[in-house]
């Protein structure tokens, strides 16, 4: 089946697969410790999709147009079977890109085996350089030195161009932007600054804490002149820039101030096998029960779900302020960011 589009003529090209809903950090904007302090807040391990189930579902998505797979969590490096999952996905014909998003602290133990298994790219979260600030932003669970050890391990394993994501909050870490850029200027790695989003129900989001990308762009451009590169392809969420002096590239993900719903080509699969067609969804379509049937029926169910998709939450954020406050939306760590 080819040419699958939703109601707004957006194709299905990207699938984010959450392999686990647990994390070793407690970042306040995602999984605050006061709400997610113990194992009872998460799925029983037996509810996670098994590696062979993940492979079969991924193959079904690829048959109807998906070309890019990204493994997420929670923290995917906590999943013991992760190398097997990567190896299974890497051998699917038609997959052009296989990536993983992580906080990076377990990469010294796992980067080499993941590279051997067929992982193509890495994205690492890095919200601050200052050790005390980083510790606070990880909910008291992380050390920035461990992230840098993970970056070094990834480089040694052959991951030459790593994306580094920083969620920027006004009055929390917006003063870390220039130091982060200074640290990575002249390297192959790409820093991307993400506007603080109202994902889930527990991060106490406030528009006042959002630092618009345009403001950051002005701050950065005053220090280092930049040249716009635009987006690399349809579905790419980051507006890309390069330093005028050739010292590297950076990007901005601006889902609050400049929503990109019109080009969204992403579906998300939760750790227990539910399909979500938007990061801000309130419910998903369970796919695991369909694994008892044949591949044709599975593909038809996925296609039907996507073809009915009309999500554009970020474009309607202001209109839906009251709905946002009342809705029991899915938490980000359950379906990946």
C-alpha atoms as a PDB file:
ATOM      1  CA  UNK A   1       0.000   0.000   0.000  1.00  0.00           C
ATOM      2  CA  UNK A   2       1.433   3.407  -0.963  1.00  0.00           C
ATOM      3  CA  UNK A   3       0.314   6.996  -0.873  1.00  0.00           C
ATOM      4  CA  UNK A   4      -1.290   6.869   2.579  1.00  0.00           C
ATOM      5  CA  UNK A   5      -2.432  10.307   3.780  1.00  0.00           C
ATOM      6  CA  UNK A   6      -4.443  11.667   6.687  1.00  0.00           C
ATOM      7  CA  UNK A   7      -7.333  14.140   6.427  1.00  0.00           C
ATOM      8  CA  UNK A   8      -4.908  17.044   5.991  1.00  0.00           C
ATOM      9  CA  UNK A   9      -2.948  15.236   3.243  1.00  0.00           C
ATOM     10  CA  UNK A  10      -0.013  14.476   5.519  1.00  0.00           C
ATOM     11  CA  UNK A  11       1.798  11.232   4.659  1.00  0.00           C
ATOM     12  CA  UNK A  12       2.874   8.636   7.203  1.00  0.00           C
ATOM     13  CA  UNK A  13       6.685   8.554   7.079  1.00  0.00           C
ATOM     14  CA  UNK A  14       8.017   8.410  10.664  1.00  0.00           C
ATOM     15  CA  UNK A  15       7.360   6.027  13.541  1.00  0.00           C
ATOM     16  CA  UNK A  16       8.536   6.599  17.107  1.00  0.00           C
ATOM     17  CA  UNK A  17       8.593   3.405  19.143  1.00  0.00           C
ATOM     18  CA  UNK A  18       8.633   3.638  22.938  1.00  0.00           C
ATOM     19  CA  UNK A  19      10.365   0.484  24.171  1.00  0.00           C
ATOM     20  CA  UNK A  20       9.917   1.279  27.878  1.00  0.00           C
ATOM     21  CA  UNK A  21       7.938   3.760  29.975  1.00  0.00           C
ATOM     22  CA  UNK A  22      10.482   3.961  32.814  1.00  0.00           C
ATOM     23  CA  UNK A  23      13.384   6.365  33.205  1.00  0.00           C
ATOM     24  CA  UNK A  24      16.397   6.845  35.472  1.00  0.00           C
ATOM     25  CA  UNK A  25      15.792  10.637  35.517  1.00  0.00           C
ATOM     26  CA  UNK A  26      12.867  12.592  36.947  1.00  0.00           C
ATOM     27  CA  UNK A  27      12.928  15.717  34.792  1.00  0.00           C
ATOM     28  CA  UNK A  28      10.196  18.082  36.072  1.00  0.00           C
ATOM     29  CA  UNK A  29       8.894  18.859  32.567  1.00  0.00           C
ATOM     30  CA  UNK A  30       8.338  15.170  31.822  1.00  0.00           C
ATOM     31  CA  UNK A  31       8.280  12.852  34.853  1.00  0.00           C
ATOM     32  CA  UNK A  32       8.291  14.885  38.095  1.00  0.00           C
ATOM     33  CA  UNK A  33       9.421  12.849  41.084  1.00  0.00           C
ATOM     34  CA  UNK A  34       6.476  13.851  43.249  1.00  0.00           C
ATOM     35  CA  UNK A  35       4.144  12.008  40.885  1.00  0.00           C
ATOM     36  CA  UNK A  36       6.375   9.280  39.511  1.00  0.00           C
ATOM     37  CA  UNK A  37       8.368   8.214  42.530  1.00  0.00           C
ATOM     38  CA  UNK A  38       7.862   4.448  42.465  1.00  0.00           C
ATOM     39  CA  UNK A  39       7.312   1.472  40.150  1.00  0.00           C
ATOM     40  CA  UNK A  40       3.539   1.476  40.673  1.00  0.00           C
ATOM     41  CA  UNK A  41       3.322   4.512  38.362  1.00  0.00           C
ATOM     42  CA  UNK A  42       4.507   2.460  35.385  1.00  0.00           C
ATOM     43  CA  UNK A  43       3.499  -0.510  33.282  1.00  0.00           C
ATOM     44  CA  UNK A  44       4.352  -4.009  34.561  1.00  0.00           C
ATOM     45  CA  UNK A  45       7.317  -5.312  32.556  1.00  0.00           C
ATOM     46  CA  UNK A  46       5.138  -8.059  31.136  1.00  0.00           C
ATOM     47  CA  UNK A  47       3.031  -5.420  29.371  1.00  0.00           C
ATOM     48  CA  UNK A  48       5.930  -4.135  27.270  1.00  0.00           C
ATOM     49  CA  UNK A  49       5.910  -5.213  23.653  1.00  0.00           C
ATOM     50  CA  UNK A  50       8.323  -8.097  23.097  1.00  0.00           C
ATOM     51  CA  UNK A  51      11.138  -7.626  20.554  1.00  0.00           C
ATOM     52  CA  UNK A  52       9.420  -9.847  17.990  1.00  0.00           C
ATOM     53  CA  UNK A  53       6.178  -7.883  18.428  1.00  0.00           C
ATOM     54  CA  UNK A  54       7.995  -4.593  17.911  1.00  0.00           C
ATOM     55  CA  UNK A  55       9.558  -5.969  14.736  1.00  0.00           C
ATOM     56  CA  UNK A  56       6.241  -7.185  13.357  1.00  0.00           C
ATOM     57  CA  UNK A  57       4.501  -3.892  14.052  1.00  0.00           C
ATOM     58  CA  UNK A  58       7.387  -1.930  12.546  1.00  0.00           C
ATOM     59  CA  UNK A  59       7.234  -4.077   9.407  1.00  0.00           C
ATOM     60  CA  UNK A  60       3.522  -3.317   9.116  1.00  0.00           C
ATOM     61  CA  UNK A  61       4.211   0.419   9.315  1.00  0.00           C
ATOM     62  CA  UNK A  62       7.012   0.202   6.753  1.00  0.00           C
ATOM     63  CA  UNK A  63       4.733  -1.606   4.313  1.00  0.00           C
ATOM     64  CA  UNK A  64       2.373   1.386   4.324  1.00  0.00           C
ATOM     65  CA  UNK A  65       4.994   4.090   3.957  1.00  0.00           C
ATOM     66  CA  UNK A  66       7.123   4.586   7.077  1.00  0.00           C
ATOM     67  CA  UNK A  67      10.798   5.125   6.259  1.00  0.00           C
ATOM     68  CA  UNK A  68      12.227   6.411   9.547  1.00  0.00           C
ATOM     69  CA  UNK A  69      12.170   4.614  12.899  1.00  0.00           C
ATOM     70  CA  UNK A  70      13.165   6.152  16.222  1.00  0.00           C
ATOM     71  CA  UNK A  71      13.402   4.268  19.528  1.00  0.00           C
ATOM     72  CA  UNK A  72      12.353   6.244  22.584  1.00  0.00           C
ATOM     73  CA  UNK A  73      11.079   5.829  26.132  1.00  0.00           C
ATOM     74  CA  UNK A  74      11.132   6.587  28.977  1.00  0.00           C
ATOM     75  CA  UNK A  75      14.830   5.888  28.796  1.00  0.00           C
ATOM     76  CA  UNK A  76      15.328   3.204  26.128  1.00  0.00           C
ATOM     77  CA  UNK A  77      18.794   2.204  27.361  1.00  0.00           C
ATOM     78  CA  UNK A  78      17.104   0.710  30.443  1.00  0.00           C
ATOM     79  CA  UNK A  79      15.547  -1.966  28.226  1.00  0.00           C
ATOM     80  CA  UNK A  80      17.742  -5.089  28.447  1.00  0.00           C
ATOM     81  CA  UNK A  81      16.673  -6.381  25.005  1.00  0.00           C
ATOM     82  CA  UNK A  82      17.454  -3.108  23.234  1.00  0.00           C
ATOM     83  CA  UNK A  83      20.305  -4.482  21.059  1.00  0.00           C
ATOM     84  CA  UNK A  84      18.018  -7.301  19.886  1.00  0.00           C
ATOM     85  CA  UNK A  85      15.280  -4.792  19.085  1.00  0.00           C
ATOM     86  CA  UNK A  86      17.747  -2.643  17.110  1.00  0.00           C
ATOM     87  CA  UNK A  87      19.067  -5.663  15.209  1.00  0.00           C
ATOM     88  CA  UNK A  88      15.548  -6.757  14.275  1.00  0.00           C
ATOM     89  CA  UNK A  89      14.578  -3.298  13.043  1.00  0.00           C
ATOM     90  CA  UNK A  90      17.845  -2.704  11.190  1.00  0.00           C
ATOM     91  CA  UNK A  91      17.186  -5.652   8.880  1.00  0.00           C
ATOM     92  CA  UNK A  92      13.760  -4.437   7.712  1.00  0.00           C
ATOM     93  CA  UNK A  93      13.885  -3.559   4.012  1.00  0.00           C
ATOM     94  CA  UNK A  94      12.711  -0.029   3.351  1.00  0.00           C
ATOM     95  CA  UNK A  95      13.994   1.572   6.563  1.00  0.00           C
ATOM     96  CA  UNK A  96      16.174   4.528   5.617  1.00  0.00           C
ATOM     97  CA  UNK A  97      16.910   5.738   9.133  1.00  0.00           C
ATOM     98  CA  UNK A  98      17.056   4.041  12.535  1.00  0.00           C
ATOM     99  CA  UNK A  99      17.717   6.393  15.464  1.00  0.00           C
ATOM    100  CA  UNK A 100      17.441   6.478  19.245  1.00  0.00           C
ATOM    101  CA  UNK A 101      16.737   9.227  21.788  1.00  0.00           C
ATOM    102  CA  UNK A 102      18.408   8.900  25.196  1.00  0.00           C
ATOM    103  CA  UNK A 103      19.639  10.880  28.187  1.00  0.00           C
ATOM    104  CA  UNK A 104      23.031   9.336  27.444  1.00  0.00           C
ATOM    105  CA  UNK A 105      24.228   8.245  30.866  1.00  0.00           C
ATOM    106  CA  UNK A 106      24.189   4.515  30.029  1.00  0.00           C
ATOM    107  CA  UNK A 107      25.928   4.891  26.678  1.00  0.00           C
ATOM    108  CA  UNK A 108      29.402   3.961  28.006  1.00  0.00           C
ATOM    109  CA  UNK A 109      28.042   0.440  28.549  1.00  0.00           C
ATOM    110  CA  UNK A 110      25.809   0.219  25.489  1.00  0.00           C
ATOM    111  CA  UNK A 111      26.964   2.456  22.610  1.00  0.00           C
ATOM    112  CA  UNK A 112      29.272  -0.075  20.948  1.00  0.00           C
ATOM    113  CA  UNK A 113      26.769  -2.949  21.005  1.00  0.00           C
ATOM    114  CA  UNK A 114      24.013  -0.727  19.649  1.00  0.00           C
ATOM    115  CA  UNK A 115      26.249   0.423  16.816  1.00  0.00           C
ATOM    116  CA  UNK A 116      27.102  -3.190  15.980  1.00  0.00           C
ATOM    117  CA  UNK A 117      23.400  -4.063  16.051  1.00  0.00           C
ATOM    118  CA  UNK A 118      22.718  -1.498  13.331  1.00  0.00           C
ATOM    119  CA  UNK A 119      21.712   1.735  15.084  1.00  0.00           C
ATOM    120  CA  UNK A 120      22.395   4.612  12.700  1.00  0.00           C
ATOM    121  CA  UNK A 121      21.954   7.797  14.742  1.00  0.00           C
ATOM    122  CA  UNK A 122      21.711   9.121  18.294  1.00  0.00           C
ATOM    123  CA  UNK A 123      19.924  12.045  19.898  1.00  0.00           C
ATOM    124  CA  UNK A 124      21.011  12.900  23.448  1.00  0.00           C
ATOM    125  CA  UNK A 125      19.146  15.189  25.845  1.00  0.00           C
ATOM    126  CA  UNK A 126      21.305  17.867  27.464  1.00  0.00           C
ATOM    127  CA  UNK A 127      19.491  20.696  29.247  1.00  0.00           C
ATOM    128  CA  UNK A 128      22.413  22.353  31.064  1.00  0.00           C
ATOM    129  CA  UNK A 129      26.201  22.412  31.383  1.00  0.00           C
ATOM    130  CA  UNK A 130      26.326  23.578  34.989  1.00  0.00           C
ATOM    131  CA  UNK A 131      26.462  20.436  37.179  1.00  0.00           C
ATOM    132  CA  UNK A 132      24.137  21.754  39.890  1.00  0.00           C
ATOM    133  CA  UNK A 133      21.627  23.058  37.343  1.00  0.00           C
ATOM    134  CA  UNK A 134      21.723  19.775  35.430  1.00  0.00           C
ATOM    135  CA  UNK A 135      21.183  17.819  38.637  1.00  0.00           C
ATOM    136  CA  UNK A 136      18.101  19.871  39.472  1.00  0.00           C
ATOM    137  CA  UNK A 137      16.695  19.546  35.967  1.00  0.00           C
ATOM    138  CA  UNK A 138      17.067  15.762  36.095  1.00  0.00           C
ATOM    139  CA  UNK A 139      15.106  15.635  39.333  1.00  0.00           C
ATOM    140  CA  UNK A 140      18.250  14.995  41.364  1.00  0.00           C
ATOM    141  CA  UNK A 141      18.995  11.806  39.430  1.00  0.00           C
ATOM    142  CA  UNK A 142      21.604  12.775  36.833  1.00  0.00           C
ATOM    143  CA  UNK A 143      25.146  14.106  36.544  1.00  0.00           C
ATOM    144  CA  UNK A 144      26.219  16.094  33.513  1.00  0.00           C
ATOM    145  CA  UNK A 145      29.654  14.427  33.613  1.00  0.00           C
ATOM    146  CA  UNK A 146      27.933  11.103  32.935  1.00  0.00           C
ATOM    147  CA  UNK A 147      26.248  12.551  29.846  1.00  0.00           C
ATOM    148  CA  UNK A 148      29.604  13.720  28.512  1.00  0.00           C
ATOM    149  CA  UNK A 149      31.027  10.257  29.171  1.00  0.00           C
ATOM    150  CA  UNK A 150      28.125   8.909  27.128  1.00  0.00           C
ATOM    151  CA  UNK A 151      28.860  11.326  24.279  1.00  0.00           C
ATOM    152  CA  UNK A 152      32.503  10.236  24.284  1.00  0.00           C
ATOM    153  CA  UNK A 153      31.488   6.566  24.225  1.00  0.00           C
ATOM    154  CA  UNK A 154      29.118   7.225  21.325  1.00  0.00           C
ATOM    155  CA  UNK A 155      31.869   8.988  19.387  1.00  0.00           C
ATOM    156  CA  UNK A 156      34.242   6.077  20.020  1.00  0.00           C
ATOM    157  CA  UNK A 157      31.579   3.647  18.780  1.00  0.00           C
ATOM    158  CA  UNK A 158      31.294   5.508  15.473  1.00  0.00           C
ATOM    159  CA  UNK A 159      28.385   7.903  16.011  1.00  0.00           C
ATOM    160  CA  UNK A 160      30.016  10.891  14.376  1.00  0.00           C
ATOM    161  CA  UNK A 161      27.203  13.454  14.251  1.00  0.00           C
ATOM    162  CA  UNK A 162      25.010  13.469  17.338  1.00  0.00           C
ATOM    163  CA  UNK A 163      21.950  15.644  17.868  1.00  0.00           C
ATOM    164  CA  UNK A 164      21.793  17.242  21.313  1.00  0.00           C
ATOM    165  CA  UNK A 165      18.361  18.380  22.500  1.00  0.00           C
ATOM    166  CA  UNK A 166      17.891  21.138  25.071  1.00  0.00           C
ATOM    167  CA  UNK A 167      14.427  21.992  26.402  1.00  0.00           C
ATOM    168  CA  UNK A 168      14.578  25.686  27.268  1.00  0.00           C
ATOM    169  CA  UNK A 169      12.567  27.171  30.154  1.00  0.00           C
ATOM    170  CA  UNK A 170      12.626  30.852  31.034  1.00  0.00           C
ATOM    171  CA  UNK A 171      14.234  31.452  34.407  1.00  0.00           C
ATOM    172  CA  UNK A 172      15.324  27.817  34.621  1.00  0.00           C
ATOM    173  CA  UNK A 173      18.015  27.215  32.027  1.00  0.00           C
ATOM    174  CA  UNK A 174      17.724  29.877  29.314  1.00  0.00           C
ATOM    175  CA  UNK A 175      21.065  31.291  30.479  1.00  0.00           C
ATOM    176  CA  UNK A 176      22.673  27.945  29.558  1.00  0.00           C
ATOM    177  CA  UNK A 177      22.051  28.392  25.816  1.00  0.00           C
ATOM    178  CA  UNK A 178      25.221  30.327  24.942  1.00  0.00           C
ATOM    179  CA  UNK A 179      27.526  28.176  27.133  1.00  0.00           C
ATOM    180  CA  UNK A 180      26.139  25.038  25.496  1.00  0.00           C
ATOM    181  CA  UNK A 181      26.765  26.451  22.046  1.00  0.00           C
ATOM    182  CA  UNK A 182      30.264  27.542  23.035  1.00  0.00           C
ATOM    183  CA  UNK A 183      31.003  23.992  24.198  1.00  0.00           C
ATOM    184  CA  UNK A 184      29.939  22.346  20.938  1.00  0.00           C
ATOM    185  CA  UNK A 185      30.950  24.952  18.345  1.00  0.00           C
ATOM    186  CA  UNK A 186      33.521  23.433  16.041  1.00  0.00           C
ATOM    187  CA  UNK A 187      32.310  19.861  16.570  1.00  0.00           C
ATOM    188  CA  UNK A 188      30.145  17.776  14.197  1.00  0.00           C
ATOM    189  CA  UNK A 189      27.334  17.680  16.752  1.00  0.00           C
ATOM    190  CA  UNK A 190      24.119  19.675  16.342  1.00  0.00           C
ATOM    191  CA  UNK A 191      22.479  21.468  19.283  1.00  0.00           C
ATOM    192  CA  UNK A 192      18.715  21.865  18.992  1.00  0.00           C
ATOM    193  CA  UNK A 193      16.722  24.132  21.290  1.00  0.00           C
ATOM    194  CA  UNK A 194      13.174  22.986  22.027  1.00  0.00           C
ATOM    195  CA  UNK A 195      10.437  25.289  23.230  1.00  0.00           C
ATOM    196  CA  UNK A 196       8.961  24.120  26.528  1.00  0.00           C
ATOM    197  CA  UNK A 197       5.737  22.301  25.615  1.00  0.00           C
ATOM    198  CA  UNK A 198       2.485  21.548  27.401  1.00  0.00           C
ATOM    199  CA  UNK A 199       2.800  17.777  26.983  1.00  0.00           C
ATOM    200  CA  UNK A 200       0.918  15.543  29.398  1.00  0.00           C
ATOM    201  CA  UNK A 201      -0.866  16.709  32.513  1.00  0.00           C
ATOM    202  CA  UNK A 202       1.724  16.997  35.276  1.00  0.00           C
ATOM    203  CA  UNK A 203       4.442  19.497  34.313  1.00  0.00           C
ATOM    204  CA  UNK A 204       2.521  22.632  35.379  1.00  0.00           C
ATOM    205  CA  UNK A 205       3.206  24.250  32.008  1.00  0.00           C
ATOM    206  CA  UNK A 206       2.965  28.003  31.699  1.00  0.00           C
ATOM    207  CA  UNK A 207       3.283  30.029  28.497  1.00  0.00           C
ATOM    208  CA  UNK A 208       5.323  32.533  30.512  1.00  0.00           C
ATOM    209  CA  UNK A 209       8.095  29.933  30.844  1.00  0.00           C
ATOM    210  CA  UNK A 210       8.381  29.449  27.082  1.00  0.00           C
ATOM    211  CA  UNK A 211      11.341  31.159  25.439  1.00  0.00           C
ATOM    212  CA  UNK A 212      10.308  31.666  21.820  1.00  0.00           C
ATOM    213  CA  UNK A 213      12.831  30.446  19.281  1.00  0.00           C
ATOM    214  CA  UNK A 214      12.877  33.888  17.676  1.00  0.00           C
ATOM    215  CA  UNK A 215      14.148  35.347  20.940  1.00  0.00           C
ATOM    216  CA  UNK A 216      16.868  32.708  21.203  1.00  0.00           C
ATOM    217  CA  UNK A 217      17.813  33.227  17.580  1.00  0.00           C
ATOM    218  CA  UNK A 218      18.330  36.943  18.250  1.00  0.00           C
ATOM    219  CA  UNK A 219      20.434  36.234  21.345  1.00  0.00           C
ATOM    220  CA  UNK A 220      22.612  33.729  19.532  1.00  0.00           C
ATOM    221  CA  UNK A 221      22.901  35.814  16.362  1.00  0.00           C
ATOM    222  CA  UNK A 222      24.167  38.758  18.392  1.00  0.00           C
ATOM    223  CA  UNK A 223      27.060  36.561  19.532  1.00  0.00           C
ATOM    224  CA  UNK A 224      27.685  34.515  16.384  1.00  0.00           C
ATOM    225  CA  UNK A 225      26.209  35.460  12.988  1.00  0.00           C
ATOM    226  CA  UNK A 226      23.997  32.703  11.599  1.00  0.00           C
ATOM    227  CA  UNK A 227      22.840  31.624   8.137  1.00  0.00           C
ATOM    228  CA  UNK A 228      19.395  30.029   7.720  1.00  0.00           C
ATOM    229  CA  UNK A 229      19.279  26.557   6.211  1.00  0.00           C
ATOM    230  CA  UNK A 230      15.554  25.875   6.591  1.00  0.00           C
ATOM    231  CA  UNK A 231      14.145  22.376   7.069  1.00  0.00           C
ATOM    232  CA  UNK A 232      15.854  19.482   5.303  1.00  0.00           C
ATOM    233  CA  UNK A 233      12.635  17.753   4.194  1.00  0.00           C
ATOM    234  CA  UNK A 234       8.902  17.553   4.809  1.00  0.00           C
ATOM    235  CA  UNK A 235       8.231  16.326   8.324  1.00  0.00           C
ATOM    236  CA  UNK A 236      11.494  17.719   9.687  1.00  0.00           C
ATOM    237  CA  UNK A 237      10.626  19.574  12.893  1.00  0.00           C
ATOM    238  CA  UNK A 238      13.768  21.684  13.317  1.00  0.00           C
ATOM    239  CA  UNK A 239      14.515  24.989  11.636  1.00  0.00           C
ATOM    240  CA  UNK A 240      18.212  24.701  10.842  1.00  0.00           C
ATOM    241  CA  UNK A 241      20.973  27.313  10.928  1.00  0.00           C
ATOM    242  CA  UNK A 242      24.711  27.256  10.472  1.00  0.00           C
ATOM    243  CA  UNK A 243      27.355  29.536  11.883  1.00  0.00           C
ATOM    244  CA  UNK A 244      28.502  32.040   9.277  1.00  0.00           C
ATOM    245  CA  UNK A 245      32.100  31.198  10.163  1.00  0.00           C
ATOM    246  CA  UNK A 246      31.576  27.506   9.357  1.00  0.00           C
ATOM    247  CA  UNK A 247      31.852  26.284  12.964  1.00  0.00           C
ATOM    248  CA  UNK A 248      28.825  24.008  12.836  1.00  0.00           C
ATOM    249  CA  UNK A 249      25.046  23.819  12.843  1.00  0.00           C
ATOM    250  CA  UNK A 250      22.189  24.348  15.301  1.00  0.00           C
ATOM    251  CA  UNK A 251      18.419  24.119  15.201  1.00  0.00           C
ATOM    252  CA  UNK A 252      15.165  25.256  16.799  1.00  0.00           C
ATOM    253  CA  UNK A 253      12.036  23.206  17.456  1.00  0.00           C
ATOM    254  CA  UNK A 254       9.243  25.739  17.862  1.00  0.00           C
ATOM    255  CA  UNK A 255       5.987  23.881  18.379  1.00  0.00           C
ATOM    256  CA  UNK A 256       4.562  26.648  20.604  1.00  0.00           C
ATOM    257  CA  UNK A 257       5.495  29.861  18.767  1.00  0.00           C
ATOM    258  CA  UNK A 258       5.567  28.436  15.203  1.00  0.00           C
ATOM    259  CA  UNK A 259       3.600  25.161  15.091  1.00  0.00           C
ATOM    260  CA  UNK A 260       4.493  22.691  12.356  1.00  0.00           C
ATOM    261  CA  UNK A 261       1.404  20.472  12.528  1.00  0.00           C
ATOM    262  CA  UNK A 262       0.810  20.991   8.820  1.00  0.00           C
ATOM    263  CA  UNK A 263       3.913  18.964   8.003  1.00  0.00           C
ATOM    264  CA  UNK A 264       3.699  16.353  10.778  1.00  0.00           C
ATOM    265  CA  UNK A 265       4.345  12.875   9.386  1.00  0.00           C
ATOM    266  CA  UNK A 266       4.864  11.100  12.750  1.00  0.00           C
ATOM    267  CA  UNK A 267       3.040   8.277  14.441  1.00  0.00           C
ATOM    268  CA  UNK A 268       3.929   6.998  17.909  1.00  0.00           C
ATOM    269  CA  UNK A 269       3.765   3.501  19.365  1.00  0.00           C
ATOM    270  CA  UNK A 270       3.599   3.165  23.145  1.00  0.00           C
ATOM    271  CA  UNK A 271       5.530   0.538  25.081  1.00  0.00           C
ATOM    272  CA  UNK A 272       2.385  -1.578  25.408  1.00  0.00           C
ATOM    273  CA  UNK A 273       1.466  -1.320  21.726  1.00  0.00           C
ATOM    274  CA  UNK A 274      -1.003   1.555  21.371  1.00  0.00           C
ATOM    275  CA  UNK A 275      -0.857   3.796  18.308  1.00  0.00           C
ATOM    276  CA  UNK A 276      -0.947   7.550  18.956  1.00  0.00           C
ATOM    277  CA  UNK A 277      -1.251   9.974  16.056  1.00  0.00           C
ATOM    278  CA  UNK A 278      -0.302  13.089  18.049  1.00  0.00           C
ATOM    279  CA  UNK A 279       2.057  13.903  20.911  1.00  0.00           C
ATOM    280  CA  UNK A 280      -0.869  15.665  22.615  1.00  0.00           C
ATOM    281  CA  UNK A 281      -3.354  12.804  22.227  1.00  0.00           C
ATOM    282  CA  UNK A 282      -5.707  11.705  24.996  1.00  0.00           C
ATOM    283  CA  UNK A 283      -5.944   8.077  23.884  1.00  0.00           C
ATOM    284  CA  UNK A 284      -4.390   5.599  21.490  1.00  0.00           C
ATOM    285  CA  UNK A 285      -5.516   2.708  19.299  1.00  0.00           C
ATOM    286  CA  UNK A 286      -4.395  -0.641  20.831  1.00  0.00           C
ATOM    287  CA  UNK A 287      -2.576  -2.659  18.173  1.00  0.00           C
ATOM    288  CA  UNK A 288      -1.296  -5.563  20.227  1.00  0.00           C
ATOM    289  CA  UNK A 289      -4.571  -7.535  20.035  1.00  0.00           C
ATOM    290  CA  UNK A 290      -4.315  -7.391  16.233  1.00  0.00           C
ATOM    291  CA  UNK A 291      -1.064  -9.375  16.342  1.00  0.00           C
ATOM    292  CA  UNK A 292      -3.209 -12.477  16.758  1.00  0.00           C
ATOM    293  CA  UNK A 293      -4.450 -11.949  13.198  1.00  0.00           C
ATOM    294  CA  UNK A 294      -2.696 -11.705   9.848  1.00  0.00           C
ATOM    295  CA  UNK A 295      -0.454  -8.952   8.526  1.00  0.00           C
ATOM    296  CA  UNK A 296      -3.058  -7.699   6.061  1.00  0.00           C
ATOM    297  CA  UNK A 297      -5.585  -6.963   8.790  1.00  0.00           C
ATOM    298  CA  UNK A 298      -2.892  -5.292  10.905  1.00  0.00           C
ATOM    299  CA  UNK A 299      -1.864  -3.019   8.055  1.00  0.00           C
ATOM    300  CA  UNK A 300      -5.456  -2.149   7.255  1.00  0.00           C
ATOM    301  CA  UNK A 301      -6.097  -1.147  10.884  1.00  0.00           C
ATOM    302  CA  UNK A 302      -3.036   1.119  10.959  1.00  0.00           C
ATOM    303  CA  UNK A 303      -3.954   2.664   7.614  1.00  0.00           C
ATOM    304  CA  UNK A 304      -7.523   3.289   8.749  1.00  0.00           C
ATOM    305  CA  UNK A 305      -6.315   5.009  11.906  1.00  0.00           C
ATOM    306  CA  UNK A 306      -3.931   7.267   9.996  1.00  0.00           C
ATOM    307  CA  UNK A 307      -6.413   8.097   7.235  1.00  0.00           C
ATOM    308  CA  UNK A 308      -8.867   9.367   9.880  1.00  0.00           C
ATOM    309  CA  UNK A 309      -6.214  11.516  11.574  1.00  0.00           C
ATOM    310  CA  UNK A 310      -7.026  15.215  11.856  1.00  0.00           C
ATOM    311  CA  UNK A 311      -4.720  16.193  14.770  1.00  0.00           C
ATOM    312  CA  UNK A 312      -3.241  19.688  14.821  1.00  0.00           C
ATOM    313  CA  UNK A 313      -3.132  20.493  18.505  1.00  0.00           C
ATOM    314  CA  UNK A 314      -0.244  22.969  18.414  1.00  0.00           C
ATOM    315  CA  UNK A 315      -1.959  25.078  15.756  1.00  0.00           C
ATOM    316  CA  UNK A 316      -5.107  25.189  17.903  1.00  0.00           C
ATOM    317  CA  UNK A 317      -3.383  25.572  21.296  1.00  0.00           C
ATOM    318  CA  UNK A 318      -4.741  29.045  22.027  1.00  0.00           C
ATOM    319  CA  UNK A 319      -8.284  28.052  21.055  1.00  0.00           C
ATOM    320  CA  UNK A 320      -8.180  24.970  23.231  1.00  0.00           C
ATOM    321  CA  UNK A 321      -6.808  26.436  26.436  1.00  0.00           C
ATOM    322  CA  UNK A 322      -9.711  25.202  28.556  1.00  0.00           C
ATOM    323  CA  UNK A 323      -9.659  21.762  26.939  1.00  0.00           C
ATOM    324  CA  UNK A 324      -5.937  21.568  27.612  1.00  0.00           C
ATOM    325  CA  UNK A 325      -6.453  22.202  31.291  1.00  0.00           C
ATOM    326  CA  UNK A 326      -9.160  19.559  31.598  1.00  0.00           C
ATOM    327  CA  UNK A 327      -7.926  16.826  29.254  1.00  0.00           C
ATOM    328  CA  UNK A 328      -6.218  13.711  30.582  1.00  0.00           C
ATOM    329  CA  UNK A 329      -3.618  13.634  27.835  1.00  0.00           C
ATOM    330  CA  UNK A 330      -1.028  10.904  27.571  1.00  0.00           C
ATOM    331  CA  UNK A 331       2.276  11.646  29.332  1.00  0.00           C
ATOM    332  CA  UNK A 332       5.287  12.200  27.095  1.00  0.00           C
ATOM    333  CA  UNK A 333       7.391   9.391  28.548  1.00  0.00           C
ATOM    334  CA  UNK A 334       4.729   6.837  27.576  1.00  0.00           C
ATOM    335  CA  UNK A 335       4.971   7.569  23.865  1.00  0.00           C
ATOM    336  CA  UNK A 336       8.312   9.331  23.424  1.00  0.00           C
ATOM    337  CA  UNK A 337       8.882  13.041  22.800  1.00  0.00           C
END
